[in-house]
Every structure is written in C-alpha cells, then in structure tokens.
C-alpha cells in the first residue's frame, strides 16, 4: 500500500512541477521578448530577481509575480482535474477486500 502512495506522490509532484515550470517558462519567454533590454537580468536566477525588488521596474516585477501566481493557479486546476478523475475511478472500482499477511499465513 505504501508503494502506491509513494508512486502516486512521485508522479503527482512530477506532473504538477512540469505544469508549473511550463507555465512560468512560457510566460518568461514572452516577457523577455516584450522587454529585450531586461533580457540579461531575466535570464538569470529567477529566485534572486524575486527576492531583490529593486533590480527591475515595478511593472516588470509585478508581471513576474503574476506569472508565478498564474502557474500556481494552473497547478491547482490540474490537481482538481486529477482529483475528479480519481473520484470517478474510486467510485466505479467497487468494494474490494485487501487481505493482510497474517490472514494468509493462518490459512496455510
């Protein structure tokens, strides 16, 4: 049972991380194309840019923060979709009984 939880967590984190990364990188690419003069700054480590507000003008900084908020929103919507699929599968899976190891050994 723990194996399936671990696999689900690993796959879920991978999928949701890919969604966030895709949304933010596509948005940053668009932002760089719109503001060519900030290309050297925006191509650096994005965490450093966010923590040091004074590097970029306020409007560009707000656009970067909005990109992350939109990315997290996409992750939330993807999670909701996966939850709905999981509920449908669980509803139609029916009742199954898991046998424990002790029960199997007592029957032998």
PDB file of N, CA and C in Angstrom:
ATOM      1  N   UNK A   1       0.809  -1.182   0.000  1.00  0.00           N
ATOM      2  CA  UNK A   1       0.000   0.000   0.000  1.00  0.00           C
ATOM      3  C   UNK A   1       0.862   1.260   0.000  1.00  0.00           C
ATOM      4  N   UNK A   2       1.945   1.237   0.775  1.00  0.00           N
ATOM      5  CA  UNK A   2       2.830   2.400   0.809  1.00  0.00           C
ATOM      6  C   UNK A   2       3.519   2.615  -0.523  1.00  0.00           C
ATOM      7  N   UNK A   3       3.747   1.536  -1.253  1.00  0.00           N
ATOM      8  CA  UNK A   3       4.369   1.657  -2.569  1.00  0.00           C
ATOM      9  C   UNK A   3       3.493   2.493  -3.494  1.00  0.00           C
ATOM     10  N   UNK A   4       2.194   2.259  -3.474  1.00  0.00           N
ATOM     11  CA  UNK A   4       1.293   3.003  -4.346  1.00  0.00           C
ATOM     12  C   UNK A   4       1.188   4.464  -3.924  1.00  0.00           C
ATOM     13  N   UNK A   5       1.245   4.716  -2.624  1.00  0.00           N
ATOM     14  CA  UNK A   5       1.254   6.107  -2.157  1.00  0.00           C
ATOM     15  C   UNK A   5       2.511   6.822  -2.622  1.00  0.00           C
ATOM     16  N   UNK A   6       3.629   6.143  -2.481  1.00  0.00           N
ATOM     17  CA  UNK A   6       4.901   6.744  -2.902  1.00  0.00           C
ATOM     18  C   UNK A   6       4.930   6.985  -4.396  1.00  0.00           C
ATOM     19  N   UNK A   7       4.445   6.018  -5.159  1.00  0.00           N
ATOM     20  CA  UNK A   7       4.395   6.199  -6.608  1.00  0.00           C
ATOM     21  C   UNK A   7       3.453   7.330  -6.995  1.00  0.00           C
ATOM     22  N   UNK A   8       2.301   7.405  -6.341  1.00  0.00           N
ATOM     23  CA  UNK A   8       1.355   8.477  -6.628  1.00  0.00           C
ATOM     24  C   UNK A   8       1.929   9.839  -6.296  1.00  0.00           C
ATOM     25  N   UNK A   9       2.614   9.938  -5.169  1.00  0.00           N
ATOM     26  CA  UNK A   9       3.223  11.211  -4.785  1.00  0.00           C
ATOM     27  C   UNK A   9       4.321  11.606  -5.770  1.00  0.00           C
ATOM     28  N   UNK A  10       5.127  10.646  -6.175  1.00  0.00           N
ATOM     29  CA  UNK A  10       6.216  10.928  -7.109  1.00  0.00           C
ATOM     30  C   UNK A  10       5.678  11.377  -8.462  1.00  0.00           C
ATOM     31  N   UNK A  11       4.711  10.660  -8.964  1.00  0.00           N
ATOM     32  CA  UNK A  11       4.131  11.021 -10.268  1.00  0.00           C
ATOM     33  C   UNK A  11       3.386  12.350 -10.165  1.00  0.00           C
ATOM     34  N   UNK A  12       2.657  12.553  -9.084  1.00  0.00           N
ATOM     35  CA  UNK A  12       1.923  13.796  -8.908  1.00  0.00           C
ATOM     36  C   UNK A  12       2.839  15.001  -8.846  1.00  0.00           C
ATOM     37  N   UNK A  13       3.912  14.893  -8.079  1.00  0.00           N
ATOM     38  CA  UNK A  13       4.864  16.004  -7.988  1.00  0.00           C
ATOM     39  C   UNK A  13       5.520  16.257  -9.331  1.00  0.00           C
ATOM     40  N   UNK A  14       5.833  15.203 -10.055  1.00  0.00           N
ATOM     41  CA  UNK A  14       6.455  15.375 -11.369  1.00  0.00           C
ATOM     42  C   UNK A  14       5.516  16.083 -12.345  1.00  0.00           C
ATOM     43  N   UNK A  15       4.279  15.646 -12.389  1.00  0.00           N
ATOM     44  CA  UNK A  15       3.309  16.242 -13.316  1.00  0.00           C
ATOM     45  C   UNK A  15       3.032  17.698 -12.943  1.00  0.00           C
ATOM     46  N   UNK A  16       2.779  17.946 -11.662  1.00  0.00           N
ATOM     47  CA  UNK A  16       2.450  19.309 -11.248  1.00  0.00           C
ATOM     48  C   UNK A  16       3.656  20.237 -11.352  1.00  0.00           C
ATOM     49  N   UNK A  17       4.845  19.713 -11.104  1.00  0.00           N
ATOM     50  CA  UNK A  17       6.058  20.508 -11.307  1.00  0.00           C
ATOM     51  C   UNK A  17       6.258  20.861 -12.764  1.00  0.00           C
ATOM     52  N   UNK A  18       5.953  19.916 -13.648  1.00  0.00           N
ATOM     53  CA  UNK A  18       6.062  20.191 -15.088  1.00  0.00           C
ATOM     54  C   UNK A  18       5.052  21.248 -15.524  1.00  0.00           C
ATOM     55  N   UNK A  19       3.847  21.196 -14.969  1.00  0.00           N
ATOM     56  CA  UNK A  19       2.830  22.199 -15.306  1.00  0.00           C
ATOM     57  C   UNK A  19       3.300  23.586 -14.873  1.00  0.00           C
ATOM     58  N   UNK A  20       3.787  23.692 -13.639  1.00  0.00           N
ATOM     59  CA  UNK A  20       4.264  24.982 -13.136  1.00  0.00           C
ATOM     60  C   UNK A  20       5.444  25.486 -13.955  1.00  0.00           C
ATOM     61  N   UNK A  21       6.388  24.615 -14.216  1.00  0.00           N
ATOM     62  CA  UNK A  21       7.579  25.002 -14.976  1.00  0.00           C
ATOM     63  C   UNK A  21       7.224  25.463 -16.386  1.00  0.00           C
ATOM     64  N   UNK A  22       6.305  24.768 -17.035  1.00  0.00           N
ATOM     65  CA  UNK A  22       5.900  25.135 -18.388  1.00  0.00           C
ATOM     66  C   UNK A  22       5.218  26.494 -18.410  1.00  0.00           C
ATOM     67  N   UNK A  23       4.292  26.709 -17.476  1.00  0.00           N
ATOM     68  CA  UNK A  23       3.583  27.996 -17.441  1.00  0.00           C
ATOM     69  C   UNK A  23       4.536  29.156 -17.185  1.00  0.00           C
ATOM     70  N   UNK A  24       5.428  29.001 -16.214  1.00  0.00           N
ATOM     71  CA  UNK A  24       6.336  30.094 -15.869  1.00  0.00           C
ATOM     72  C   UNK A  24       7.354  30.326 -16.982  1.00  0.00           C
ATOM     73  N   UNK A  25       7.913  29.263 -17.545  1.00  0.00           N
ATOM     74  CA  UNK A  25       8.928  29.450 -18.596  1.00  0.00           C
ATOM     75  C   UNK A  25       8.321  30.050 -19.857  1.00  0.00           C
ATOM     76  N   UNK A  26       7.108  29.638 -20.228  1.00  0.00           N
ATOM     77  CA  UNK A  26       6.458  30.248 -21.392  1.00  0.00           C
ATOM     78  C   UNK A  26       6.159  31.722 -21.145  1.00  0.00           C
ATOM     79  N   UNK A  27       5.710  32.044 -19.945  1.00  0.00           N
ATOM     80  CA  UNK A  27       5.435  33.432 -19.610  1.00  0.00           C
ATOM     81  C   UNK A  27       6.696  34.280 -19.570  1.00  0.00           C
ATOM     82  N   UNK A  28       7.778  33.715 -19.038  1.00  0.00           N
ATOM     83  CA  UNK A  28       9.049  34.452 -19.008  1.00  0.00           C
ATOM     84  C   UNK A  28       9.592  34.680 -20.410  1.00  0.00           C
ATOM     85  N   UNK A  29       9.433  33.692 -21.275  1.00  0.00           N
ATOM     86  CA  UNK A  29       9.885  33.849 -22.662  1.00  0.00           C
ATOM     87  C   UNK A  29       9.133  35.000 -23.336  1.00  0.00           C
ATOM     88  N   UNK A  30       7.838  35.063 -23.118  1.00  0.00           N
ATOM     89  CA  UNK A  30       7.041  36.162 -23.673  1.00  0.00           C
ATOM     90  C   UNK A  30       7.472  37.496 -23.082  1.00  0.00           C
ATOM     91  N   UNK A  31       7.710  37.512 -21.777  1.00  0.00           N
ATOM     92  CA  UNK A  31       8.130  38.737 -21.105  1.00  0.00           C
ATOM     93  C   UNK A  31       9.495  39.211 -21.605  1.00  0.00           C
ATOM     94  N   UNK A  32      10.406  38.279 -21.824  1.00  0.00           N
ATOM     95  CA  UNK A  32      11.725  38.640 -22.357  1.00  0.00           C
ATOM     96  C   UNK A  32      11.596  39.193 -23.766  1.00  0.00           C
ATOM     97  N   UNK A  33      10.724  38.593 -24.580  1.00  0.00           N
ATOM     98  CA  UNK A  33      10.538  39.096 -25.947  1.00  0.00           C
ATOM     99  C   UNK A  33       9.915  40.491 -25.958  1.00  0.00           C
ATOM    100  N   UNK A  34       9.103  40.806 -24.973  1.00  0.00           N
ATOM    101  CA  UNK A  34       8.488  42.129 -24.898  1.00  0.00           C
ATOM    102  C   UNK A  34       9.453  43.179 -24.346  1.00  0.00           C
ATOM    103  N   UNK A  35      10.369  42.760 -23.480  1.00  0.00           N
ATOM    104  CA  UNK A  35      11.314  43.682 -22.833  1.00  0.00           C
ATOM    105  C   UNK A  35      12.742  43.226 -23.118  1.00  0.00           C
ATOM    106  N   UNK A  36      13.221  43.451 -24.309  1.00  0.00           N
ATOM    107  CA  UNK A  36      14.547  42.983 -24.716  1.00  0.00           C
ATOM    108  C   UNK A  36      15.639  43.574 -23.822  1.00  0.00           C
ATOM    109  N   UNK A  37      15.461  44.804 -23.347  1.00  0.00           N
ATOM    110  CA  UNK A  37      16.507  45.444 -22.538  1.00  0.00           C
ATOM    111  C   UNK A  37      16.729  44.737 -21.200  1.00  0.00           C
ATOM    112  N   UNK A  38      15.742  43.961 -20.750  1.00  0.00           N
ATOM    113  CA  UNK A  38      15.886  43.234 -19.492  1.00  0.00           C
ATOM    114  C   UNK A  38      16.297  41.778 -19.697  1.00  0.00           C
ATOM    115  N   UNK A  39      16.628  41.402 -20.925  1.00  0.00           N
ATOM    116  CA  UNK A  39      16.971  40.001 -21.211  1.00  0.00           C
ATOM    117  C   UNK A  39      18.114  39.494 -20.342  1.00  0.00           C
ATOM    118  N   UNK A  40      19.223  40.234 -20.170  1.00  0.00           N
ATOM    119  CA  UNK A  40      20.300  39.704 -19.312  1.00  0.00           C
ATOM    120  C   UNK A  40      19.851  39.494 -17.861  1.00  0.00           C
ATOM    121  N   UNK A  41      18.996  40.359 -17.371  1.00  0.00           N
ATOM    122  CA  UNK A  41      18.536  40.240 -15.978  1.00  0.00           C
ATOM    123  C   UNK A  41      17.540  39.094 -15.843  1.00  0.00           C
ATOM    124  N   UNK A  42      16.591  39.007 -16.786  1.00  0.00           N
ATOM    125  CA  UNK A  42      15.550  37.979 -16.702  1.00  0.00           C
ATOM    126  C   UNK A  42      16.080  36.586 -17.000  1.00  0.00           C
ATOM    127  N   UNK A  43      17.237  36.483 -17.654  1.00  0.00           N
ATOM    128  CA  UNK A  43      17.810  35.180 -17.956  1.00  0.00           C
ATOM    129  C   UNK A  43      18.557  34.589 -16.768  1.00  0.00           C
ATOM    130  N   UNK A  44      18.763  35.381 -15.718  1.00  0.00           N
ATOM    131  CA  UNK A  44      19.467  34.903 -14.527  1.00  0.00           C
ATOM    132  C   UNK A  44      18.519  34.088 -13.649  1.00  0.00           C
ATOM    133  N   UNK A  45      18.995  33.776 -12.462  1.00  0.00           N
ATOM    134  CA  UNK A  45      18.218  33.009 -11.499  1.00  0.00           C
ATOM    135  C   UNK A  45      16.979  33.797 -11.092  1.00  0.00           C
ATOM    136  N   UNK A  46      15.819  33.248 -11.363  1.00  0.00           N
ATOM    137  CA  UNK A  46      14.565  33.963 -11.131  1.00  0.00           C
ATOM    138  C   UNK A  46      14.311  34.178  -9.641  1.00  0.00           C
ATOM    139  N   UNK A  47      14.816  33.295  -8.779  1.00  0.00           N
ATOM    140  CA  UNK A  47      14.619  33.469  -7.341  1.00  0.00           C
ATOM    141  C   UNK A  47      15.335  34.715  -6.839  1.00  0.00           C
ATOM    142  N   UNK A  48      16.524  34.985  -7.381  1.00  0.00           N
ATOM    143  CA  UNK A  48      17.248  36.184  -6.974  1.00  0.00           C
ATOM    144  C   UNK A  48      16.516  37.437  -7.423  1.00  0.00           C
ATOM    145  N   UNK A  49      15.901  37.383  -8.582  1.00  0.00           N
ATOM    146  CA  UNK A  49      15.166  38.542  -9.090  1.00  0.00           C
ATOM    147  C   UNK A  49      13.959  38.842  -8.204  1.00  0.00           C
ATOM    148  N   UNK A  50      13.262  37.796  -7.797  1.00  0.00           N
ATOM    149  CA  UNK A  50      12.055  37.996  -6.987  1.00  0.00           C
ATOM    150  C   UNK A  50      12.408  38.518  -5.600  1.00  0.00           C
ATOM    151  N   UNK A  51      13.499  38.029  -5.015  1.00  0.00           N
ATOM    152  CA  UNK A  51      13.849  38.473  -3.665  1.00  0.00           C
ATOM    153  C   UNK A  51      14.449  39.867  -3.648  1.00  0.00           C
ATOM    154  N   UNK A  52      15.020  40.325  -4.751  1.00  0.00           N
ATOM    155  CA  UNK A  52      15.581  41.682  -4.795  1.00  0.00           C
ATOM    156  C   UNK A  52      14.707  42.538  -5.708  1.00  0.00           C
ATOM    157  N   UNK A  53      13.764  43.239  -5.124  1.00  0.00           N
ATOM    158  CA  UNK A  53      12.765  44.004  -5.871  1.00  0.00           C
ATOM    159  C   UNK A  53      13.357  45.123  -6.716  1.00  0.00           C
ATOM    160  N   UNK A  54      14.434  45.744  -6.290  1.00  0.00           N
ATOM    161  CA  UNK A  54      14.943  46.941  -6.940  1.00  0.00           C
ATOM    162  C   UNK A  54      15.622  46.727  -8.272  1.00  0.00           C
ATOM    163  N   UNK A  55      15.851  45.485  -8.675  1.00  0.00           N
ATOM    164  CA  UNK A  55      16.573  45.208  -9.915  1.00  0.00           C
ATOM    165  C   UNK A  55      15.743  45.578 -11.137  1.00  0.00           C
ATOM    166  N   UNK A  56      14.465  45.332 -11.098  1.00  0.00           N
ATOM    167  CA  UNK A  56      13.570  45.579 -12.231  1.00  0.00           C
ATOM    168  C   UNK A  56      12.589  46.700 -11.900  1.00  0.00           C
ATOM    169  N   UNK A  57      12.055  47.336 -12.930  1.00  0.00           N
ATOM    170  CA  UNK A  57      10.978  48.307 -12.681  1.00  0.00           C
ATOM    171  C   UNK A  57       9.765  47.605 -12.068  1.00  0.00           C
ATOM    172  N   UNK A  58       8.968  48.358 -11.344  1.00  0.00           N
ATOM    173  CA  UNK A  58       7.825  47.788 -10.617  1.00  0.00           C
ATOM    174  C   UNK A  58       6.869  47.046 -11.541  1.00  0.00           C
ATOM    175  N   UNK A  59       6.609  47.562 -12.736  1.00  0.00           N
ATOM    176  CA  UNK A  59       5.688  46.904 -13.672  1.00  0.00           C
ATOM    177  C   UNK A  59       6.187  45.544 -14.112  1.00  0.00           C
ATOM    178  N   UNK A  60       7.477  45.451 -14.431  1.00  0.00           N
ATOM    179  CA  UNK A  60       8.053  44.166 -14.848  1.00  0.00           C
ATOM    180  C   UNK A  60       8.082  43.196 -13.685  1.00  0.00           C
ATOM    181  N   UNK A  61       8.415  43.699 -12.511  1.00  0.00           N
ATOM    182  CA  UNK A  61       8.415  42.853 -11.314  1.00  0.00           C
ATOM    183  C   UNK A  61       7.020  42.289 -11.053  1.00  0.00           C
ATOM    184  N   UNK A  62       6.007  43.122 -11.181  1.00  0.00           N
ATOM    185  CA  UNK A  62       4.627  42.664 -10.984  1.00  0.00           C
ATOM    186  C   UNK A  62       4.229  41.620 -12.018  1.00  0.00           C
ATOM    187  N   UNK A  63       4.716  41.760 -13.254  1.00  0.00           N
ATOM    188  CA  UNK A  63       4.427  40.763 -14.287  1.00  0.00           C
ATOM    189  C   UNK A  63       5.046  39.416 -13.934  1.00  0.00           C
ATOM    190  N   UNK A  64       6.259  39.423 -13.381  1.00  0.00           N
ATOM    191  CA  UNK A  64       6.914  38.174 -12.993  1.00  0.00           C
ATOM    192  C   UNK A  64       6.148  37.498 -11.858  1.00  0.00           C
ATOM    193  N   UNK A  65       5.740  38.277 -10.868  1.00  0.00           N
ATOM    194  CA  UNK A  65       4.963  37.710  -9.760  1.00  0.00           C
ATOM    195  C   UNK A  65       3.639  37.149 -10.285  1.00  0.00           C
ATOM    196  N   UNK A  66       3.021  37.852 -11.226  1.00  0.00           N
ATOM    197  CA  UNK A  66       1.771  37.376 -11.826  1.00  0.00           C
ATOM    198  C   UNK A  66       1.982  36.062 -12.577  1.00  0.00           C
ATOM    199  N   UNK A  67       3.149  35.901 -13.211  1.00  0.00           N
ATOM    200  CA  UNK A  67       3.455  34.638 -13.895  1.00  0.00           C
ATOM    201  C   UNK A  67       3.455  33.473 -12.909  1.00  0.00           C
ATOM    202  N   UNK A  68       4.060  33.691 -11.746  1.00  0.00           N
ATOM    203  CA  UNK A  68       4.084  32.624 -10.746  1.00  0.00           C
ATOM    204  C   UNK A  68       2.701  32.343 -10.184  1.00  0.00           C
ATOM    205  N   UNK A  69       1.928  33.376  -9.970  1.00  0.00           N
ATOM    206  CA  UNK A  69       0.561  33.178  -9.473  1.00  0.00           C
ATOM    207  C   UNK A  69      -0.264  32.408 -10.502  1.00  0.00           C
ATOM    208  N   UNK A  70      -0.124  32.757 -11.775  1.00  0.00           N
ATOM    209  CA  UNK A  70      -0.835  32.020 -12.829  1.00  0.00           C
ATOM    210  C   UNK A  70      -0.371  30.570 -12.904  1.00  0.00           C
ATOM    211  N   UNK A  71       0.925  30.341 -12.706  1.00  0.00           N
ATOM    212  CA  UNK A  71       1.442  28.972 -12.707  1.00  0.00           C
ATOM    213  C   UNK A  71       0.882  28.148 -11.570  1.00  0.00           C
ATOM    214  N   UNK A  72       0.800  28.739 -10.390  1.00  0.00           N
ATOM    215  CA  UNK A  72       0.238  28.033  -9.238  1.00  0.00           C
ATOM    216  C   UNK A  72      -1.258  27.786  -9.453  1.00  0.00           C
ATOM    217  N   UNK A  73      -1.923  28.730 -10.091  1.00  0.00           N
ATOM    218  CA  UNK A  73      -3.345  28.546 -10.414  1.00  0.00           C
ATOM    219  C   UNK A  73      -3.521  27.366 -11.370  1.00  0.00           C
ATOM    220  N   UNK A  74      -2.650  27.246 -12.356  1.00  0.00           N
ATOM    221  CA  UNK A  74      -2.715  26.111 -13.284  1.00  0.00           C
ATOM    222  C   UNK A  74      -2.457  24.791 -12.558  1.00  0.00           C
ATOM    223  N   UNK A  75      -1.538  24.799 -11.601  1.00  0.00           N
ATOM    224  CA  UNK A  75      -1.270  23.593 -10.804  1.00  0.00           C
ATOM    225  C   UNK A  75      -2.507  23.210  -9.997  1.00  0.00           C
ATOM    226  N   UNK A  76      -3.170  24.201  -9.419  1.00  0.00           N
ATOM    227  CA  UNK A  76      -4.382  23.932  -8.641  1.00  0.00           C
ATOM    228  C   UNK A  76      -5.477  23.337  -9.528  1.00  0.00           C
ATOM    229  N   UNK A  77      -5.684  23.917 -10.701  1.00  0.00           N
ATOM    230  CA  UNK A  77      -6.714  23.389 -11.605  1.00  0.00           C
ATOM    231  C   UNK A  77      -6.375  21.978 -12.075  1.00  0.00           C
ATOM    232  N   UNK A  78      -5.107  21.720 -12.341  1.00  0.00           N
ATOM    233  CA  UNK A  78      -4.687  20.367 -12.736  1.00  0.00           C
ATOM    234  C   UNK A  78      -4.929  19.389 -11.598  1.00  0.00           C
ATOM    235  N   UNK A  79      -4.636  19.810 -10.376  1.00  0.00           N
ATOM    236  CA  UNK A  79      -4.883  18.958  -9.204  1.00  0.00           C
ATOM    237  C   UNK A  79      -6.364  18.644  -9.053  1.00  0.00           C
ATOM    238  N   UNK A  80      -7.204  19.646  -9.277  1.00  0.00           N
ATOM    239  CA  UNK A  80      -8.654  19.428  -9.196  1.00  0.00           C
ATOM    240  C   UNK A  80      -9.117  18.429 -10.254  1.00  0.00           C
ATOM    241  N   UNK A  81      -8.570  18.537 -11.449  1.00  0.00           N
ATOM    242  CA  UNK A  81      -8.910  17.589 -12.505  1.00  0.00           C
ATOM    243  C   UNK A  81      -8.494  16.171 -12.150  1.00  0.00           C
ATOM    244  N   UNK A  82      -7.276  16.034 -11.615  1.00  0.00           N
ATOM    245  CA  UNK A  82      -6.811  14.706 -11.197  1.00  0.00           C
ATOM    246  C   UNK A  82      -7.652  14.158 -10.050  1.00  0.00           C
ATOM    247  N   UNK A  83      -8.086  15.029  -9.165  1.00  0.00           N
ATOM    248  CA  UNK A  83      -8.944  14.605  -8.062  1.00  0.00           C
ATOM    249  C   UNK A  83     -10.274  14.076  -8.580  1.00  0.00           C
ATOM    250  N   UNK A  84     -10.868  14.781  -9.533  1.00  0.00           N
ATOM    251  CA  UNK A  84     -12.139  14.324 -10.101  1.00  0.00           C
ATOM    252  C   UNK A  84     -11.989  12.973 -10.798  1.00  0.00           C
ATOM    253  N   UNK A  85     -10.919  12.805 -11.544  1.00  0.00           N
ATOM    254  CA  UNK A  85     -10.668  11.518 -12.211  1.00  0.00           C
ATOM    255  C   UNK A  85     -10.500  10.419 -11.164  1.00  0.00           C
ATOM    256  N   UNK A  86      -9.763  10.712 -10.104  1.00  0.00           N
ATOM    257  CA  UNK A  86      -9.558   9.722  -9.042  1.00  0.00           C
ATOM    258  C   UNK A  86     -10.865   9.342  -8.356  1.00  0.00           C
ATOM    259  N   UNK A  87     -11.721  10.332  -8.125  1.00  0.00           N
ATOM    260  CA  UNK A  87     -13.017  10.036  -7.504  1.00  0.00           C
ATOM    261  C   UNK A  87     -13.891   9.158  -8.392  1.00  0.00           C
ATOM    262  N   UNK A  88     -13.897   9.424  -9.683  1.00  0.00           N
ATOM    263  CA  UNK A  88     -14.681   8.606 -10.613  1.00  0.00           C
ATOM    264  C   UNK A  88     -14.145   7.183 -10.641  1.00  0.00           C
ATOM    265  N   UNK A  89     -12.832   7.036 -10.701  1.00  0.00           N
ATOM    266  CA  UNK A  89     -12.235   5.689 -10.713  1.00  0.00           C
ATOM    267  C   UNK A  89     -12.539   4.965  -9.410  1.00  0.00           C
ATOM    268  N   UNK A  90     -12.415   5.668  -8.283  1.00  0.00           N
ATOM    269  CA  UNK A  90     -12.692   5.041  -6.993  1.00  0.00           C
ATOM    270  C   UNK A  90     -14.165   4.654  -6.864  1.00  0.00           C
ATOM    271  N   UNK A  91     -15.059   5.456  -7.415  1.00  0.00           N
ATOM    272  CA  UNK A  91     -16.485   5.163  -7.344  1.00  0.00           C
ATOM    273  C   UNK A  91     -16.824   3.901  -8.137  1.00  0.00           C
ATOM    274  N   UNK A  92     -16.231   3.746  -9.322  1.00  0.00           N
ATOM    275  CA  UNK A  92     -16.540   2.594 -10.164  1.00  0.00           C
ATOM    276  C   UNK A  92     -15.674   1.376  -9.865  1.00  0.00           C
ATOM    277  N   UNK A  93     -14.677   1.522  -9.029  1.00  0.00           N
ATOM    278  CA  UNK A  93     -13.804   0.391  -8.717  1.00  0.00           C
ATOM    279  C   UNK A  93     -14.523  -0.659  -7.885  1.00  0.00           C
ATOM    280  N   UNK A  94     -15.518  -0.251  -7.131  1.00  0.00           N
ATOM    281  CA  UNK A  94     -16.254  -1.215  -6.326  1.00  0.00           C
ATOM    282  C   UNK A  94     -15.538  -1.509  -5.022  1.00  0.00           C
ATOM    283  N   UNK A  95     -16.177  -2.354  -4.249  1.00  0.00           N
ATOM    284  CA  UNK A  95     -15.587  -2.703  -2.960  1.00  0.00           C
ATOM    285  C   UNK A  95     -14.674  -3.897  -3.147  1.00  0.00           C
ATOM    286  N   UNK A  96     -13.482  -3.725  -2.741  1.00  0.00           N
ATOM    287  CA  UNK A  96     -12.516  -4.811  -2.782  1.00  0.00           C
ATOM    288  C   UNK A  96     -11.978  -5.040  -1.388  1.00  0.00           C
ATOM    289  N   UNK A  97     -11.587  -6.251  -1.138  1.00  0.00           N
ATOM    290  CA  UNK A  97     -11.072  -6.556   0.185  1.00  0.00           C
ATOM    291  C   UNK A  97      -9.587  -6.846   0.062  1.00  0.00           C
ATOM    292  N   UNK A  98      -8.798  -6.137   0.827  1.00  0.00           N
ATOM    293  CA  UNK A  98      -7.377  -6.401   0.869  1.00  0.00           C
ATOM    294  C   UNK A  98      -7.118  -7.437   1.949  1.00  0.00           C
ATOM    295  N   UNK A  99      -6.365  -8.446   1.610  1.00  0.00           N
ATOM    296  CA  UNK A  99      -6.046  -9.449   2.616  1.00  0.00           C
ATOM    297  C   UNK A  99      -4.707  -9.091   3.246  1.00  0.00           C
ATOM    298  N   UNK A 100      -4.636  -9.283   4.538  1.00  0.00           N
ATOM    299  CA  UNK A 100      -3.376  -8.990   5.209  1.00  0.00           C
ATOM    300  C   UNK A 100      -2.524 -10.238   5.284  1.00  0.00           C
ATOM    301  N   UNK A 101      -1.268 -10.067   5.588  1.00  0.00           N
ATOM    302  CA  UNK A 101      -0.304 -11.159   5.582  1.00  0.00           C
ATOM    303  C   UNK A 101      -0.630 -12.210   6.648  1.00  0.00           C
ATOM    304  N   UNK A 102      -1.047 -11.766   7.825  1.00  0.00           N
ATOM    305  CA  UNK A 102      -1.359 -12.697   8.906  1.00  0.00           C
ATOM    306  C   UNK A 102      -2.526 -13.607   8.528  1.00  0.00           C
ATOM    307  N   UNK A 103      -3.516 -13.049   7.856  1.00  0.00           N
ATOM    308  CA  UNK A 103      -4.671 -13.836   7.454  1.00  0.00           C
ATOM    309  C   UNK A 103      -4.258 -14.915   6.456  1.00  0.00           C
ATOM    310  N   UNK A 104      -3.394 -14.587   5.534  1.00  0.00           N
ATOM    311  CA  UNK A 104      -2.934 -15.558   4.548  1.00  0.00           C
ATOM    312  C   UNK A 104      -2.105 -16.666   5.203  1.00  0.00           C
ATOM    313  N   UNK A 105      -1.280 -16.299   6.181  1.00  0.00           N
ATOM    314  CA  UNK A 105      -0.456 -17.306   6.836  1.00  0.00           C
ATOM    315  C   UNK A 105      -1.303 -18.255   7.695  1.00  0.00           C
ATOM    316  N   UNK A 106      -2.379 -17.760   8.291  1.00  0.00           N
ATOM    317  CA  UNK A 106      -3.216 -18.612   9.130  1.00  0.00           C
ATOM    318  C   UNK A 106      -3.991 -19.619   8.303  1.00  0.00           C
ATOM    319  N   UNK A 107      -4.231 -19.317   7.039  1.00  0.00           N
ATOM    320  CA  UNK A 107      -4.970 -20.241   6.180  1.00  0.00           C
ATOM    321  C   UNK A 107      -4.082 -21.387   5.704  1.00  0.00           C
ATOM    322  N   UNK A 108      -2.787 -21.215   5.728  1.00  0.00           N
ATOM    323  CA  UNK A 108      -1.861 -22.265   5.238  1.00  0.00           C
ATOM    324  C   UNK A 108      -1.603 -23.258   6.282  1.00  0.00           C
TER     325      UNK A 108
END
